[in-house]
Amino acid sequence: MHPQKYIYALLNNGFTEHWIAKKVKLAQSTIHRIKVGDVRSPRFDTVEKIKKLYEKQLETGSSNA
């Protein structure tokens, strides 16, 4: 899955771009650019960080809503 979909899934669960960025240690602007499609091929390590955060939240059933 493209990291854009992971980001949207996290946002739909009540998390913010700022929260996601803080958790994966990236700039909020980077998260936003991936979300809106400005970054079409993010670095592998960036994708892995976002994927792992998504999986962790899915696994724990955490929601910010």
PDB file of N, CA and C in Angstrom:
ATOM      1  N   MET A   1       0.855  -1.172   0.000  1.00  0.00           N
ATOM      2  CA  MET A   1       0.000   0.000   0.000  1.00  0.00           C
ATOM      3  C   MET A   1       0.905   1.240   0.000  1.00  0.00           C
ATOM      4  N   HIS A   2       0.495   2.249  -0.722  1.00  0.00           N
ATOM      5  CA  HIS A   2       1.241   3.510  -0.772  1.00  0.00           C
ATOM      6  C   HIS A   2       1.108   4.219   0.576  1.00  0.00           C
ATOM      7  N   PRO A   3       2.162   4.879   1.039  1.00  0.00           N
ATOM      8  CA  PRO A   3       2.100   5.546   2.342  1.00  0.00           C
ATOM      9  C   PRO A   3       0.982   6.585   2.435  1.00  0.00           C
ATOM     10  N   GLN A   4       0.565   7.110   1.308  1.00  0.00           N
ATOM     11  CA  GLN A   4      -0.542   8.055   1.284  1.00  0.00           C
ATOM     12  C   GLN A   4      -1.793   7.412   1.906  1.00  0.00           C
ATOM     13  N   LYS A   5      -2.023   6.151   1.603  1.00  0.00           N
ATOM     14  CA  LYS A   5      -3.190   5.446   2.147  1.00  0.00           C
ATOM     15  C   LYS A   5      -3.050   5.209   3.650  1.00  0.00           C
ATOM     16  N   TYR A   6      -1.829   4.923   4.098  1.00  0.00           N
ATOM     17  CA  TYR A   6      -1.597   4.767   5.538  1.00  0.00           C
ATOM     18  C   TYR A   6      -1.884   6.080   6.263  1.00  0.00           C
ATOM     19  N   ILE A   7      -1.423   7.167   5.679  1.00  0.00           N
ATOM     20  CA  ILE A   7      -1.634   8.484   6.291  1.00  0.00           C
ATOM     21  C   ILE A   7      -3.123   8.794   6.373  1.00  0.00           C
ATOM     22  N   TYR A   8      -3.851   8.578   5.274  1.00  0.00           N
ATOM     23  CA  TYR A   8      -5.291   8.839   5.300  1.00  0.00           C
ATOM     24  C   TYR A   8      -6.001   7.960   6.323  1.00  0.00           C
ATOM     25  N   ALA A   9      -5.592   6.706   6.449  1.00  0.00           N
ATOM     26  CA  ALA A   9      -6.205   5.807   7.432  1.00  0.00           C
ATOM     27  C   ALA A   9      -5.972   6.328   8.847  1.00  0.00           C
ATOM     28  N   LEU A  10      -4.760   6.785   9.125  1.00  0.00           N
ATOM     29  CA  LEU A  10      -4.463   7.342  10.449  1.00  0.00           C
ATOM     30  C   LEU A  10      -5.270   8.616  10.699  1.00  0.00           C
ATOM     31  N   LEU A  11      -5.356   9.471   9.691  1.00  0.00           N
ATOM     32  CA  LEU A  11      -6.131  10.702   9.829  1.00  0.00           C
ATOM     33  C   LEU A  11      -7.606  10.391  10.076  1.00  0.00           C
ATOM     34  N   ASN A  12      -8.124   9.384   9.390  1.00  0.00           N
ATOM     35  CA  ASN A  12      -9.527   8.992   9.568  1.00  0.00           C
ATOM     36  C   ASN A  12      -9.796   8.425  10.954  1.00  0.00           C
ATOM     37  N   ASN A  13      -8.745   8.011  11.648  1.00  0.00           N
ATOM     38  CA  ASN A  13      -8.885   7.516  13.012  1.00  0.00           C
ATOM     39  C   ASN A  13      -8.640   8.608  14.048  1.00  0.00           C
ATOM     40  N   GLY A  14      -8.572   9.843  13.594  1.00  0.00           N
ATOM     41  CA  GLY A  14      -8.495  10.965  14.522  1.00  0.00           C
ATOM     42  C   GLY A  14      -7.106  11.509  14.795  1.00  0.00           C
ATOM     43  N   PHE A  15      -6.092  10.944  14.172  1.00  0.00           N
ATOM     44  CA  PHE A  15      -4.739  11.445  14.370  1.00  0.00           C
ATOM     45  C   PHE A  15      -4.493  12.615  13.423  1.00  0.00           C
ATOM     46  N   THR A  16      -3.542  13.453  13.763  1.00  0.00           N
ATOM     47  CA  THR A  16      -3.232  14.629  12.944  1.00  0.00           C
ATOM     48  C   THR A  16      -1.923  14.419  12.185  1.00  0.00           C
ATOM     49  N   GLU A  17      -1.728  15.235  11.165  1.00  0.00           N
ATOM     50  CA  GLU A  17      -0.461  15.196  10.430  1.00  0.00           C
ATOM     51  C   GLU A  17       0.695  15.463  11.390  1.00  0.00           C
ATOM     52  N   HIS A  18       0.499  16.406  12.286  1.00  0.00           N
ATOM     53  CA  HIS A  18       1.544  16.755  13.254  1.00  0.00           C
ATOM     54  C   HIS A  18       1.887  15.547  14.126  1.00  0.00           C
ATOM     55  N   TRP A  19       0.883  14.842  14.631  1.00  0.00           N
ATOM     56  CA  TRP A  19       1.101  13.658  15.479  1.00  0.00           C
ATOM     57  C   TRP A  19       1.842  12.573  14.702  1.00  0.00           C
ATOM     58  N   ILE A  20       1.406  12.320  13.467  1.00  0.00           N
ATOM     59  CA  ILE A  20       2.061  11.305  12.631  1.00  0.00           C
ATOM     60  C   ILE A  20       3.522  11.680  12.427  1.00  0.00           C
ATOM     61  N   ALA A  21       3.762  12.941  12.063  1.00  0.00           N
ATOM     62  CA  ALA A  21       5.125  13.415  11.818  1.00  0.00           C
ATOM     63  C   ALA A  21       6.012  13.232  13.044  1.00  0.00           C
ATOM     64  N   LYS A  22       5.476  13.569  14.201  1.00  0.00           N
ATOM     65  CA  LYS A  22       6.242  13.439  15.442  1.00  0.00           C
ATOM     66  C   LYS A  22       6.600  11.979  15.703  1.00  0.00           C
ATOM     67  N   LYS A  23       5.648  11.079  15.499  1.00  0.00           N
ATOM     68  CA  LYS A  23       5.869   9.657  15.764  1.00  0.00           C
ATOM     69  C   LYS A  23       6.899   9.038  14.824  1.00  0.00           C
ATOM     70  N   VAL A  24       6.925   9.481  13.572  1.00  0.00           N
ATOM     71  CA  VAL A  24       7.855   8.888  12.602  1.00  0.00           C
ATOM     72  C   VAL A  24       9.105   9.746  12.396  1.00  0.00           C
ATOM     73  N   LYS A  25       9.189  10.838  13.172  1.00  0.00           N
ATOM     74  CA  LYS A  25      10.359  11.723  13.144  1.00  0.00           C
ATOM     75  C   LYS A  25      10.623  12.311  11.750  1.00  0.00           C
ATOM     76  N   LEU A  26       9.550  12.848  11.182  1.00  0.00           N
ATOM     77  CA  LEU A  26       9.634  13.559   9.914  1.00  0.00           C
ATOM     78  C   LEU A  26       8.956  14.911  10.096  1.00  0.00           C
ATOM     79  N   ALA A  27       9.200  15.811   9.177  1.00  0.00           N
ATOM     80  CA  ALA A  27       8.531  17.107   9.225  1.00  0.00           C
ATOM     81  C   ALA A  27       7.055  16.936   8.871  1.00  0.00           C
ATOM     82  N   GLN A  28       6.216  17.755   9.487  1.00  0.00           N
ATOM     83  CA  GLN A  28       4.784  17.714   9.173  1.00  0.00           C
ATOM     84  C   GLN A  28       4.565  18.023   7.702  1.00  0.00           C
ATOM     85  N   SER A  29       5.392  18.896   7.154  1.00  0.00           N
ATOM     86  CA  SER A  29       5.252  19.245   5.735  1.00  0.00           C
ATOM     87  C   SER A  29       5.520  18.037   4.838  1.00  0.00           C
ATOM     88  N   THR A  30       6.414  17.162   5.254  1.00  0.00           N
ATOM     89  CA  THR A  30       6.688  15.943   4.486  1.00  0.00           C
ATOM     90  C   THR A  30       5.468  15.031   4.500  1.00  0.00           C
ATOM     91  N   ILE A  31       4.871  14.866   5.673  1.00  0.00           N
ATOM     92  CA  ILE A  31       3.655  14.050   5.788  1.00  0.00           C
ATOM     93  C   ILE A  31       2.565  14.634   4.893  1.00  0.00           C
ATOM     94  N   HIS A  32       2.410  15.945   4.931  1.00  0.00           N
ATOM     95  CA  HIS A  32       1.389  16.606   4.115  1.00  0.00           C
ATOM     96  C   HIS A  32       1.659  16.398   2.620  1.00  0.00           C
ATOM     97  N   ARG A  33       2.906  16.558   2.205  1.00  0.00           N
ATOM     98  CA  ARG A  33       3.239  16.401   0.784  1.00  0.00           C
ATOM     99  C   ARG A  33       2.996  14.975   0.303  1.00  0.00           C
ATOM    100  N   ILE A  34       3.267  13.994   1.151  1.00  0.00           N
ATOM    101  CA  ILE A  34       2.971  12.605   0.791  1.00  0.00           C
ATOM    102  C   ILE A  34       1.453  12.436   0.694  1.00  0.00           C
ATOM    103  N   LYS A  35       0.738  12.990   1.657  1.00  0.00           N
ATOM    104  CA  LYS A  35      -0.726  12.863   1.702  1.00  0.00           C
ATOM    105  C   LYS A  35      -1.387  13.414   0.445  1.00  0.00           C
ATOM    106  N   VAL A  36      -0.955  14.575   0.000  1.00  0.00           N
ATOM    107  CA  VAL A  36      -1.602  15.207  -1.157  1.00  0.00           C
ATOM    108  C   VAL A  36      -1.035  14.744  -2.493  1.00  0.00           C
ATOM    109  N   GLY A  37      -0.023  13.888  -2.450  1.00  0.00           N
ATOM    110  CA  GLY A  37       0.510  13.323  -3.684  1.00  0.00           C
ATOM    111  C   GLY A  37       1.658  14.085  -4.307  1.00  0.00           C
ATOM    112  N   ASP A  38       2.189  15.083  -3.609  1.00  0.00           N
ATOM    113  CA  ASP A  38       3.334  15.826  -4.145  1.00  0.00           C
ATOM    114  C   ASP A  38       4.603  14.979  -4.149  1.00  0.00           C
ATOM    115  N   VAL A  39       4.665  14.002  -3.262  1.00  0.00           N
ATOM    116  CA  VAL A  39       5.800  13.076  -3.221  1.00  0.00           C
ATOM    117  C   VAL A  39       5.278  11.743  -3.735  1.00  0.00           C
ATOM    118  N   ARG A  40       5.631  11.401  -4.944  1.00  0.00           N
ATOM    119  CA  ARG A  40       5.102  10.185  -5.562  1.00  0.00           C
ATOM    120  C   ARG A  40       5.908   8.945  -5.202  1.00  0.00           C
ATOM    121  N   SER A  41       7.181   9.104  -4.968  1.00  0.00           N
ATOM    122  CA  SER A  41       8.045   7.969  -4.622  1.00  0.00           C
ATOM    123  C   SER A  41       8.880   8.313  -3.393  1.00  0.00           C
ATOM    124  N   PRO A  42       8.263   8.236  -2.220  1.00  0.00           N
ATOM    125  CA  PRO A  42       9.026   8.540  -1.006  1.00  0.00           C
ATOM    126  C   PRO A  42      10.117   7.514  -0.757  1.00  0.00           C
ATOM    127  N   ARG A  43      11.101   7.898   0.018  1.00  0.00           N
ATOM    128  CA  ARG A  43      12.206   6.988   0.339  1.00  0.00           C
ATOM    129  C   ARG A  43      11.680   5.744   1.041  1.00  0.00           C
ATOM    130  N   PHE A  44      12.392   4.640   0.847  1.00  0.00           N
ATOM    131  CA  PHE A  44      11.989   3.365   1.437  1.00  0.00           C
ATOM    132  C   PHE A  44      11.864   3.465   2.947  1.00  0.00           C
ATOM    133  N   ASP A  45      12.836   4.104   3.604  1.00  0.00           N
ATOM    134  CA  ASP A  45      12.779   4.191   5.067  1.00  0.00           C
ATOM    135  C   ASP A  45      11.599   5.035   5.540  1.00  0.00           C
ATOM    136  N   THR A  46      11.218   6.032   4.760  1.00  0.00           N
ATOM    137  CA  THR A  46      10.048   6.845   5.093  1.00  0.00           C
ATOM    138  C   THR A  46       8.780   6.007   5.013  1.00  0.00           C
ATOM    139  N   VAL A  47       8.662   5.232   3.950  1.00  0.00           N
ATOM    140  CA  VAL A  47       7.505   4.351   3.779  1.00  0.00           C
ATOM    141  C   VAL A  47       7.429   3.359   4.936  1.00  0.00           C
ATOM    142  N   GLU A  48       8.559   2.782   5.304  1.00  0.00           N
ATOM    143  CA  GLU A  48       8.589   1.793   6.388  1.00  0.00           C
ATOM    144  C   GLU A  48       8.165   2.407   7.720  1.00  0.00           C
ATOM    145  N   LYS A  49       8.608   3.615   7.998  1.00  0.00           N
ATOM    146  CA  LYS A  49       8.231   4.286   9.252  1.00  0.00           C
ATOM    147  C   LYS A  49       6.717   4.494   9.326  1.00  0.00           C
ATOM    148  N   ILE A  50       6.145   4.972   8.230  1.00  0.00           N
ATOM    149  CA  ILE A  50       4.706   5.234   8.202  1.00  0.00           C
ATOM    150  C   ILE A  50       3.927   3.925   8.279  1.00  0.00           C
ATOM    151  N   LYS A  51       4.387   2.921   7.559  1.00  0.00           N
ATOM    152  CA  LYS A  51       3.734   1.607   7.578  1.00  0.00           C
ATOM    153  C   LYS A  51       3.756   1.009   8.984  1.00  0.00           C
ATOM    154  N   LYS A  52       4.895   1.066   9.648  1.00  0.00           N
ATOM    155  CA  LYS A  52       5.014   0.503  10.996  1.00  0.00           C
ATOM    156  C   LYS A  52       4.109   1.241  11.982  1.00  0.00           C
ATOM    157  N   LEU A  53       4.018   2.556  11.865  1.00  0.00           N
ATOM    158  CA  LEU A  53       3.124   3.317  12.730  1.00  0.00           C
ATOM    159  C   LEU A  53       1.679   2.886  12.492  1.00  0.00           C
ATOM    160  N   TYR A  54       1.297   2.770  11.230  1.00  0.00           N
ATOM    161  CA  TYR A  54      -0.059   2.332  10.884  1.00  0.00           C
ATOM    162  C   TYR A  54      -0.346   0.954  11.473  1.00  0.00           C
ATOM    163  N   GLU A  55       0.578   0.026  11.284  1.00  0.00           N
ATOM    164  CA  GLU A  55       0.384  -1.338  11.788  1.00  0.00           C
ATOM    165  C   GLU A  55       0.293  -1.364  13.310  1.00  0.00           C
ATOM    166  N   LYS A  56       1.106  -0.552  13.967  1.00  0.00           N
ATOM    167  CA  LYS A  56       1.069  -0.488  15.433  1.00  0.00           C
ATOM    168  C   LYS A  56      -0.292   0.013  15.913  1.00  0.00           C
ATOM    169  N   GLN A  57      -0.809   1.041  15.263  1.00  0.00           N
ATOM    170  CA  GLN A  57      -2.107   1.588  15.657  1.00  0.00           C
ATOM    171  C   GLN A  57      -3.229   0.598  15.349  1.00  0.00           C
ATOM    172  N   LEU A  58      -3.113  -0.117  14.245  1.00  0.00           N
ATOM    173  CA  LEU A  58      -4.104  -1.127  13.877  1.00  0.00           C
ATOM    174  C   LEU A  58      -4.086  -2.272  14.884  1.00  0.00           C
ATOM    175  N   GLU A  59      -2.879  -2.685  15.250  1.00  0.00           N
ATOM    176  CA  GLU A  59      -2.683  -3.795  16.182  1.00  0.00           C
ATOM    177  C   GLU A  59      -3.238  -3.477  17.571  1.00  0.00           C
ATOM    178  N   THR A  60      -3.003  -2.260  18.023  1.00  0.00           N
ATOM    179  CA  THR A  60      -3.443  -1.885  19.367  1.00  0.00           C
ATOM    180  C   THR A  60      -4.877  -1.371  19.377  1.00  0.00           C
ATOM    181  N   GLY A  61      -5.411  -1.140  18.188  1.00  0.00           N
ATOM    182  CA  GLY A  61      -6.773  -0.616  18.121  1.00  0.00           C
ATOM    183  C   GLY A  61      -6.877   0.807  18.619  1.00  0.00           C
ATOM    184  N   SER A  62      -5.740   1.492  18.641  1.00  0.00           N
ATOM    185  CA  SER A  62      -5.713   2.864  19.147  1.00  0.00           C
ATOM    186  C   SER A  62      -6.442   3.798  18.201  1.00  0.00           C
ATOM    187  N   SER A  63      -7.098   4.734  18.787  1.00  0.00           N
ATOM    188  CA  SER A  63      -7.771   5.776  18.031  1.00  0.00           C
ATOM    189  C   SER A  63      -7.676   7.054  18.839  1.00  0.00           C
ATOM    190  N   ASN A  64      -7.567   8.132  18.143  1.00  0.00           N
ATOM    191  CA  ASN A  64      -7.500   9.427  18.796  1.00  0.00           C
ATOM    192  C   ASN A  64      -8.871  10.093  18.793  1.00  0.00           C
ATOM    193  N   ALA A  65      -9.841   9.406  18.208  1.00  0.00           N
ATOM    194  CA  ALA A  65     -11.186   9.980  18.070  1.00  0.00           C
ATOM    195  C   ALA A  65     -11.981   9.849  19.351  1.00  0.00           C
TER     196      ALA A  65
END
